[in-house]
C-alpha atoms as a PDB file:
ATOM      1  CA  MET A   1     -10.316  11.540  12.927  1.00  0.00           C
ATOM      2  CA  PRO A   2     -11.628  14.101  10.635  1.00  0.00           C
ATOM      3  CA  LEU A   3     -10.266  17.655  10.942  1.00  0.00           C
ATOM      4  CA  ALA A   4     -13.783  19.188  11.409  1.00  0.00           C
ATOM      5  CA  VAL A   5     -14.378  16.899  14.552  1.00  0.00           C
ATOM      6  CA  GLU A   6     -11.006  17.788  15.781  1.00  0.00           C
ATOM      7  CA  ILE A   7     -11.846  21.654  15.521  1.00  0.00           C
ATOM      8  CA  VAL A   8     -15.435  21.242  17.194  1.00  0.00           C
ATOM      9  CA  LEU A   9     -13.533  19.355  20.281  1.00  0.00           C
ATOM     10  CA  ILE A  10     -11.095  22.234  20.583  1.00  0.00           C
ATOM     11  CA  VAL A  11     -14.125  24.877  20.202  1.00  0.00           C
ATOM     12  CA  ILE A  12     -16.178  22.916  22.852  1.00  0.00           C
ATOM     13  CA  GLY A  13     -13.189  22.456  25.133  1.00  0.00           C
ATOM     14  CA  VAL A  14     -12.406  26.372  25.068  1.00  0.00           C
ATOM     15  CA  LEU A  15     -16.144  27.163  25.942  1.00  0.00           C
ATOM     16  CA  LEU A  16     -16.114  24.659  28.770  1.00  0.00           C
ATOM     17  CA  LEU A  17     -12.843  26.161  30.120  1.00  0.00           C
ATOM     18  CA  ALA A  18     -14.487  29.689  29.631  1.00  0.00           C
ATOM     19  CA  ALA A  19     -17.334  28.733  31.409  1.00  0.00           C
ATOM     20  CA  ALA A  20     -15.620  27.421  34.381  1.00  0.00           C
ATOM     21  CA  LEU A  21     -13.311  30.291  34.487  1.00  0.00           C
ATOM     22  CA  ILE A  22     -16.508  32.708  34.461  1.00  0.00           C
ATOM     23  CA  GLY A  23     -18.082  30.766  37.238  1.00  0.00           C
ATOM     24  CA  SER A  24     -15.089  31.340  39.443  1.00  0.00           C
ATOM     25  CA  GLY A  25     -13.813  34.595  40.262  1.00  0.00           C
ATOM     26  CA  ILE A  26     -14.881  36.293  37.242  1.00  0.00           C
ATOM     27  CA  SER A  27     -18.599  35.957  38.436  1.00  0.00           C
ATOM     28  CA  ARG A  28     -17.966  37.975  41.555  1.00  0.00           C
ATOM     29  CA  ARG A  29     -17.695  41.270  39.259  1.00  0.00           C
ATOM     30  CA  LEU A  30     -20.266  40.303  36.525  1.00  0.00           C
ATOM     31  CA  MET A  31     -22.938  40.088  38.918  1.00  0.00           C
ATOM     32  CA  THR A  32     -25.583  39.179  36.256  1.00  0.00           C
ATOM     33  CA  ILE A  33     -23.740  35.462  36.001  1.00  0.00           C
ATOM     34  CA  PRO A  34     -24.492  33.464  39.185  1.00  0.00           C
ATOM     35  CA  LYS A  35     -21.468  32.170  41.004  1.00  0.00           C
ATOM     36  CA  MET A  36     -20.985  28.413  40.413  1.00  0.00           C
ATOM     37  CA  HIS A  37     -20.092  26.118  43.153  1.00  0.00           C
ATOM     38  CA  ARG A  38     -16.607  24.581  43.039  1.00  0.00           C
ATOM     39  CA  ALA A  39     -17.270  20.884  42.109  1.00  0.00           C
ATOM     40  CA  PRO A  40     -19.120  21.928  38.839  1.00  0.00           C
ATOM     41  CA  ARG A  41     -16.167  24.229  37.766  1.00  0.00           C
ATOM     42  CA  VAL A  42     -13.828  21.256  38.593  1.00  0.00           C
ATOM     43  CA  VAL A  43     -15.830  19.262  36.029  1.00  0.00           C
ATOM     44  CA  LEU A  44     -16.247  21.815  33.525  1.00  0.00           C
ATOM     45  CA  ALA A  45     -12.538  22.429  33.700  1.00  0.00           C
ATOM     46  CA  ALA A  46     -11.458  18.804  33.503  1.00  0.00           C
ATOM     47  CA  LEU A  47     -13.897  18.103  30.540  1.00  0.00           C
ATOM     48  CA  GLY A  48     -12.475  21.191  28.743  1.00  0.00           C
ATOM     49  CA  VAL A  49      -8.882  19.886  28.961  1.00  0.00           C
ATOM     50  CA  LEU A  50      -9.759  16.552  27.926  1.00  0.00           C
ATOM     51  CA  LEU A  51     -11.463  17.967  24.707  1.00  0.00           C
ATOM     52  CA  LEU A  52      -8.683  20.338  23.886  1.00  0.00           C
ATOM     53  CA  ALA A  53      -5.998  17.434  24.284  1.00  0.00           C
ATOM     54  CA  GLY A  54      -8.156  15.159  22.308  1.00  0.00           C
ATOM     55  CA  GLY A  55      -8.482  17.907  19.430  1.00  0.00           C
ATOM     56  CA  PHE A  56      -4.973  18.814  19.288  1.00  0.00           C
ATOM     57  CA  TRP A  57      -3.787  15.093  19.512  1.00  0.00           C
ATOM     58  CA  GLY A  58      -6.054  14.124  16.626  1.00  0.00           C
ATOM     59  CA  MET A  59      -4.947  17.340  14.692  1.00  0.00           C
ATOM     60  CA  TRP A  60      -1.099  16.224  15.329  1.00  0.00           C
ATOM     61  CA  THR A  61      -1.480  12.490  14.755  1.00  0.00           C
ATOM     62  CA  GLY A  62      -3.594  13.634  11.529  1.00  0.00           C
ATOM     63  CA  THR A  63      -0.512  15.249   9.908  1.00  0.00           C
ATOM     64  CA  GLU A  64       1.518  12.050  10.764  1.00  0.00           C
ATOM     65  CA  LYS A  65       1.380   9.905   7.647  1.00  0.00           C
ATOM     66  CA  SER A  66       0.703   6.269   8.249  1.00  0.00           C
ATOM     67  CA  ALA A  67       3.528   3.844   7.776  1.00  0.00           C
ATOM     68  CA  PRO A  68       3.414   1.604   4.384  1.00  0.00           C
ATOM     69  CA  THR A  69       2.781  -2.093   4.626  1.00  0.00           C
ATOM     70  CA  LEU A  70       4.866  -4.639   3.351  1.00  0.00           C
ATOM     71  CA  ALA A  71       1.996  -5.204   0.915  1.00  0.00           C
ATOM     72  CA  ASP A  72       2.555  -1.718  -0.265  1.00  0.00           C
ATOM     73  CA  LEU A  73       6.255  -2.401  -0.753  1.00  0.00           C
ATOM     74  CA  ARG A  74       5.746  -5.783  -2.540  1.00  0.00           C
ATOM     75  CA  ALA A  75       3.552  -4.085  -5.111  1.00  0.00           C
ATOM     76  CA  HIS A  76       6.729  -1.937  -6.222  1.00  0.00           C
ATOM     77  CA  ILE A  77       9.034  -5.193  -6.522  1.00  0.00           C
ATOM     78  CA  PRO A  78       9.919  -5.879 -10.220  1.00  0.00           C
ATOM     79  CA  PRO A  79       9.039  -8.950 -11.850  1.00  0.00           C
ATOM     80  CA  ASP A  80      12.231 -10.119 -12.778  1.00  0.00           C
ATOM     81  CA  VAL A  81      13.358  -9.618  -9.136  1.00  0.00           C
ATOM     82  CA  LYS A  82      10.440 -11.628  -7.493  1.00  0.00           C
ATOM     83  CA  SER A  83      11.077 -14.444  -9.718  1.00  0.00           C
ATOM     84  CA  THR A  84      15.125 -14.707  -8.915  1.00  0.00           C
ATOM     85  CA  LEU A  85      15.437 -13.611  -5.611  1.00  0.00           C
ATOM     86  CA  ASN A  86      13.872 -14.350  -2.342  1.00  0.00           C
ATOM     87  CA  CYS A  87      12.525 -11.267  -1.020  1.00  0.00           C
ATOM     88  CA  THR A  88      11.287 -11.572   2.595  1.00  0.00           C
ATOM     89  CA  GLU A  89      10.936  -9.299   5.611  1.00  0.00           C
ATOM     90  CA  ALA A  90      13.736  -7.478   7.188  1.00  0.00           C
ATOM     91  CA  VAL A  91      14.782  -8.253  10.669  1.00  0.00           C
ATOM     92  CA  GLU A  92      14.926  -4.813  11.295  1.00  0.00           C
ATOM     93  CA  SER A  93      13.506  -1.784   9.339  1.00  0.00           C
ATOM     94  CA  PRO A  94      14.456   1.795   9.566  1.00  0.00           C
ATOM     95  CA  LYS A  95      12.064   4.205  11.832  1.00  0.00           C
ATOM     96  CA  LYS A  96       8.737   4.842   9.723  1.00  0.00           C
ATOM     97  CA  GLY A  97      10.034   2.407   6.990  1.00  0.00           C
ATOM     98  CA  VAL A  98       8.985  -1.085   5.906  1.00  0.00           C
ATOM     99  CA  GLU A  99      11.754  -3.240   4.185  1.00  0.00           C
ATOM    100  CA  LEU A 100      12.331  -6.341   2.181  1.00  0.00           C
ATOM    101  CA  ASP A 101      15.714  -8.262   2.250  1.00  0.00           C
ATOM    102  CA  CYS A 102      15.970  -9.793  -1.229  1.00  0.00           C
ATOM    103  CA  SER A 103      19.633 -11.082  -0.653  1.00  0.00           C
ATOM    104  CA  THR A 104      19.992 -14.392  -2.354  1.00  0.00           C
ATOM    105  CA  GLN A 105      23.166 -16.518  -2.298  1.00  0.00           C
ATOM    106  CA  GLY A 106      24.644 -17.167  -5.594  1.00  0.00           C
ATOM    107  CA  SER A 107      22.714 -14.242  -7.382  1.00  0.00           C
ATOM    108  CA  VAL A 108      24.029 -10.895  -8.899  1.00  0.00           C
ATOM    109  CA  PRO A 109      23.673  -9.239  -6.909  1.00  0.00           C
ATOM    110  CA  ASP A 110      24.702 -11.041  -3.796  1.00  0.00           C
ATOM    111  CA  SER A 111      22.689  -8.724  -1.435  1.00  0.00           C
ATOM    112  CA  VAL A 112      19.739  -6.414  -2.011  1.00  0.00           C
ATOM    113  CA  TRP A 113      17.373  -4.327  -0.104  1.00  0.00           C
ATOM    114  CA  TYR A 114      14.034  -2.254  -0.866  1.00  0.00           C
ATOM    115  CA  VAL A 115      13.208   0.160   1.761  1.00  0.00           C
ATOM    116  CA  MET A 116       9.719   2.287   1.735  1.00  0.00           C
ATOM    117  CA  PHE A 117       8.642   5.355   3.479  1.00  0.00           C
ATOM    118  CA  PRO A 118       5.484   7.231   3.926  1.00  0.00           C
ATOM    119  CA  ASP A 119       6.989  10.694   2.595  1.00  0.00           C
ATOM    120  CA  VAL A 120       9.562  11.658   0.322  1.00  0.00           C
ATOM    121  CA  ASN A 121      11.562  13.560   3.302  1.00  0.00           C
ATOM    122  CA  SER A 122      11.937  10.523   5.383  1.00  0.00           C
ATOM    123  CA  MET A 123      12.857   8.662   2.359  1.00  0.00           C
ATOM    124  CA  GLN A 124      15.638  11.352   1.455  1.00  0.00           C
ATOM    125  CA  THR A 125      17.093  11.495   4.899  1.00  0.00           C
ATOM    126  CA  TYR A 126      17.865   7.581   5.049  1.00  0.00           C
ATOM    127  CA  TRP A 127      19.300   7.561   1.505  1.00  0.00           C
ATOM    128  CA  MET A 128      21.584  10.532   2.605  1.00  0.00           C
ATOM    129  CA  GLN A 129      22.662   8.922   5.858  1.00  0.00           C
ATOM    130  CA  GLU A 130      23.146   5.337   4.125  1.00  0.00           C
ATOM    131  CA  SER A 131      25.117   6.893   1.172  1.00  0.00           C
ATOM    132  CA  SER A 132      27.148   9.257   3.661  1.00  0.00           C
ATOM    133  CA  PRO A 133      28.745  12.554   2.057  1.00  0.00           C
ATOM    134  CA  SER A 134      32.356  10.883   1.947  1.00  0.00           C
ATOM    135  CA  ASN A 135      30.863   8.586  -0.445  1.00  0.00           C
ATOM    136  CA  ARG A 136      29.612  11.337  -2.837  1.00  0.00           C
ATOM    137  CA  GLN A 137      32.430  12.877  -4.070  1.00  0.00           C
ATOM    138  CA  GLY A 138      32.151  12.249  -7.854  1.00  0.00           C
ATOM    139  CA  THR A 139      29.312  12.987 -10.144  1.00  0.00           C
ATOM    140  CA  GLN A 140      29.136   9.327 -11.944  1.00  0.00           C
ATOM    141  CA  CYS A 141      28.531   5.729 -11.215  1.00  0.00           C
ATOM    142  CA  ASN A 142      29.497   4.178 -14.424  1.00  0.00           C
ATOM    143  CA  THR A 143      32.736   2.757 -13.639  1.00  0.00           C
ATOM    144  CA  ILE A 144      34.927   0.816 -10.981  1.00  0.00           C
ATOM    145  CA  ASP A 145      36.615   3.940 -10.554  1.00  0.00           C
ATOM    146  CA  ASP A 146      33.593   6.029  -9.575  1.00  0.00           C
ATOM    147  CA  TYR A 147      32.630   3.558  -7.050  1.00  0.00           C
ATOM    148  CA  LYS A 148      36.248   3.558  -5.756  1.00  0.00           C
ATOM    149  CA  ARG A 149      36.004   7.665  -5.456  1.00  0.00           C
ATOM    150  CA  GLY A 150      32.260   7.378  -4.125  1.00  0.00           C
ATOM    151  CA  SER A 151      30.013   9.464  -6.464  1.00  0.00           C
ATOM    152  CA  LYS A 152      26.516  10.729  -6.919  1.00  0.00           C
ATOM    153  CA  THR A 153      24.106  11.606  -9.769  1.00  0.00           C
ATOM    154  CA  THR A 154      20.612  11.950 -10.535  1.00  0.00           C
ATOM    155  CA  TYR A 155      18.451  10.049 -12.913  1.00  0.00           C
ATOM    156  CA  PHE A 156      15.271  10.803 -15.323  1.00  0.00           C
ATOM    157  CA  LEU A 157      13.017   8.064 -16.377  1.00  0.00           C
ATOM    158  CA  SER A 158      11.018  10.014 -19.053  1.00  0.00           C
ATOM    159  CA  ASP A 159      10.968  13.718 -18.499  1.00  0.00           C
ATOM    160  CA  GLN A 160      14.365  15.088 -18.519  1.00  0.00           C
ATOM    161  CA  SER A 161      13.347  18.166 -16.433  1.00  0.00           C
ATOM    162  CA  ILE A 162      12.198  15.631 -13.769  1.00  0.00           C
ATOM    163  CA  THR A 163      14.393  14.406 -11.417  1.00  0.00           C
ATOM    164  CA  ASP A 164      13.114  10.773 -10.552  1.00  0.00           C
ATOM    165  CA  GLY A 165      15.718  10.020  -8.109  1.00  0.00           C
ATOM    166  CA  ASP A 166      19.283  10.133  -6.710  1.00  0.00           C
ATOM    167  CA  TYR A 167      21.866   7.849  -6.914  1.00  0.00           C
ATOM    168  CA  ALA A 168      24.977   6.985  -5.246  1.00  0.00           C
ATOM    169  CA  CYS A 169      27.676   4.386  -5.336  1.00  0.00           C
ATOM    170  CA  TYR A 170      30.714   3.303  -3.338  1.00  0.00           C
ATOM    171  CA  MET A 171      32.960   0.653  -2.292  1.00  0.00           C
ATOM    172  CA  ASP A 172      32.625  -1.214   1.086  1.00  0.00           C
ATOM    173  CA  GLY A 173      35.794  -3.078   1.320  1.00  0.00           C
ATOM    174  CA  ASN A 174      35.899  -5.109  -1.806  1.00  0.00           C
ATOM    175  CA  SER A 175      32.323  -4.862  -2.399  1.00  0.00           C
ATOM    176  CA  THR A 176      30.479  -2.379  -4.747  1.00  0.00           C
ATOM    177  CA  VAL A 177      27.296  -0.676  -3.341  1.00  0.00           C
ATOM    178  CA  ALA A 178      24.713   1.052  -5.242  1.00  0.00           C
ATOM    179  CA  ILE A 179      22.107   3.084  -3.278  1.00  0.00           C
ATOM    180  CA  TYR A 180      19.515   5.012  -5.036  1.00  0.00           C
ATOM    181  CA  THR A 181      15.840   6.374  -4.422  1.00  0.00           C
ATOM    182  CA  ASP A 182      12.643   6.372  -6.252  1.00  0.00           C
ATOM    183  CA  ARG A 183      10.804   9.551  -5.611  1.00  0.00           C
ATOM    184  CA  ARG A 184       7.478   8.064  -7.039  1.00  0.00           C
ATOM    185  CA  TYR A 185       6.847   5.795  -4.351  1.00  0.00           C
ATOM    186  CA  ASN A 186       9.250   7.009  -1.782  1.00  0.00           C
ATOM    187  CA  ILE A 187      11.514   3.711  -1.985  1.00  0.00           C
ATOM    188  CA  VAL A 188      15.108   3.413  -1.513  1.00  0.00           C
ATOM    189  CA  VAL A 189      16.935   0.463  -3.457  1.00  0.00           C
ATOM    190  CA  MET A 190      20.235  -0.690  -2.118  1.00  0.00           C
ATOM    191  CA  ALA A 191      22.397  -3.488  -3.728  1.00  0.00           C
ATOM    192  CA  GLU A 192      26.172  -4.918  -3.200  1.00  0.00           C
ATOM    193  CA  GLU A 193      28.100  -7.200  -5.173  1.00  0.00           C
ATOM    194  CA  SER A 194      31.021  -8.799  -3.607  1.00  0.00           C
ATOM    195  CA  ASP A 195      32.872 -10.158  -6.628  1.00  0.00           C
ATOM    196  CA  PRO A 196      34.681  -7.416  -8.537  1.00  0.00           C
ATOM    197  CA  GLN A 197      34.586  -9.595 -11.720  1.00  0.00           C
ATOM    198  CA  LYS A 198      30.575  -9.501 -11.779  1.00  0.00           C
ATOM    199  CA  PHE A 199      30.843  -5.584 -11.685  1.00  0.00           C
ATOM    200  CA  SER A 200      29.473  -5.273 -15.422  1.00  0.00           C
ATOM    201  CA  ASP A 201      26.092  -7.763 -14.527  1.00  0.00           C
ATOM    202  CA  PHE A 202      25.877  -5.799 -11.405  1.00  0.00           C
ATOM    203  CA  THR A 203      25.764  -2.468 -12.777  1.00  0.00           C
ATOM    204  CA  ASN A 204      23.366  -3.710 -15.547  1.00  0.00           C
ATOM    205  CA  TRP A 205      21.046  -5.270 -12.956  1.00  0.00           C
ATOM    206  CA  VAL A 206      20.844  -2.054 -10.820  1.00  0.00           C
ATOM    207  CA  ASP A 207      20.056   0.006 -14.119  1.00  0.00           C
ATOM    208  CA  ASN A 208      17.910  -2.028 -16.016  1.00  0.00           C
ATOM    209  CA  THR A 209      16.198  -4.742 -13.775  1.00  0.00           C
ATOM    210  CA  SER A 210      16.062  -3.299 -10.076  1.00  0.00           C
ATOM    211  CA  GLN A 211      13.967  -0.175 -10.918  1.00  0.00           C
ATOM    212  CA  PRO A 212      10.279  -0.375  -9.171  1.00  0.00           C
ATOM    213  CA  PRO A 213       7.792  -0.722 -11.868  1.00  0.00           C
ATOM    214  CA  GLY A 214       5.132   1.925 -12.589  1.00  0.00           C
ATOM    215  CA  PRO A 215       4.186   5.009 -14.698  1.00  0.00           C
ATOM    216  CA  THR A 216       7.370   7.067 -15.912  1.00  0.00           C
ATOM    217  CA  ASP A 217       5.480  10.462 -16.682  1.00  0.00           C
ATOM    218  CA  THR A 218       4.366  11.262 -13.352  1.00  0.00           C
ATOM    219  CA  THR A 219       5.876  14.031 -11.445  1.00  0.00           C
ATOM    220  CA  PRO A 220       7.206  12.772  -8.231  1.00  0.00           C
ATOM    221  CA  PRO A 221       7.636  14.954  -5.066  1.00  0.00           C
ATOM    222  CA  THR A 222      11.049  17.000  -4.457  1.00  0.00           C
ATOM    223  CA  PRO A 223      12.305  16.143  -1.123  1.00  0.00           C
ATOM    224  CA  SER A 224      13.226  19.368   1.080  1.00  0.00           C
ATOM    225  CA  GLN A 225      17.152  18.322   1.153  1.00  0.00           C
ATOM    226  CA  THR A 226      18.850  17.073  -1.827  1.00  0.00           C
ATOM    227  CA  PRO A 227      22.604  16.693  -2.340  1.00  0.00           C
ATOM    228  CA  ASP A 228      22.784  18.765  -5.486  1.00  0.00           C
ATOM    229  CA  GLY A 229      19.449  20.888  -5.340  1.00  0.00           C
ATOM    230  CA  SER A 230      17.664  18.945  -7.884  1.00  0.00           C
END
């Protein structure tokens, strides 16, 4: 609903409530205003409340960004991922988000998920919950020791002064896990490899294949909560 319509509804609702009030006890002191019968006052008051509720509800829901669709997310899956992995809708998706499960037996990595959110803050909240503070002790994600320590870093696609996303890595049992954000599209990418012997192939896939395609010269929004103030 357009904002102008919501404002009009609220204004009319206030006027109707005021008319109902004036037509009640106040009219006894304002002799120039005839006293209104009870039934019309009730009708005016009810309409006023309904219009106010509708106007405020419209304003509140208008500020909520609509959830992305699977088509929105599929448009940002890298071509190499589409051609080599089987990406299907996840059984469960996080609140406000839409998720594709691209896990494919025998692939590297063996588990991959892409999750898209309607805004940068809900995306960042999900990333910070999934990566966990205990898994963000170090400052790099280059070696197996970085993963064992649990590390975090930020990355830049083009302009080195603009942070395009946050990156975390850790071990889940014997599996290496990388999870990063793409602020351009409010996407979280999470990948897991259970074979330590494939660590090099895994990190190469994350760094060079998994990144959602698109312009690298845009200035993405910065979430209100970041692990390092970036």
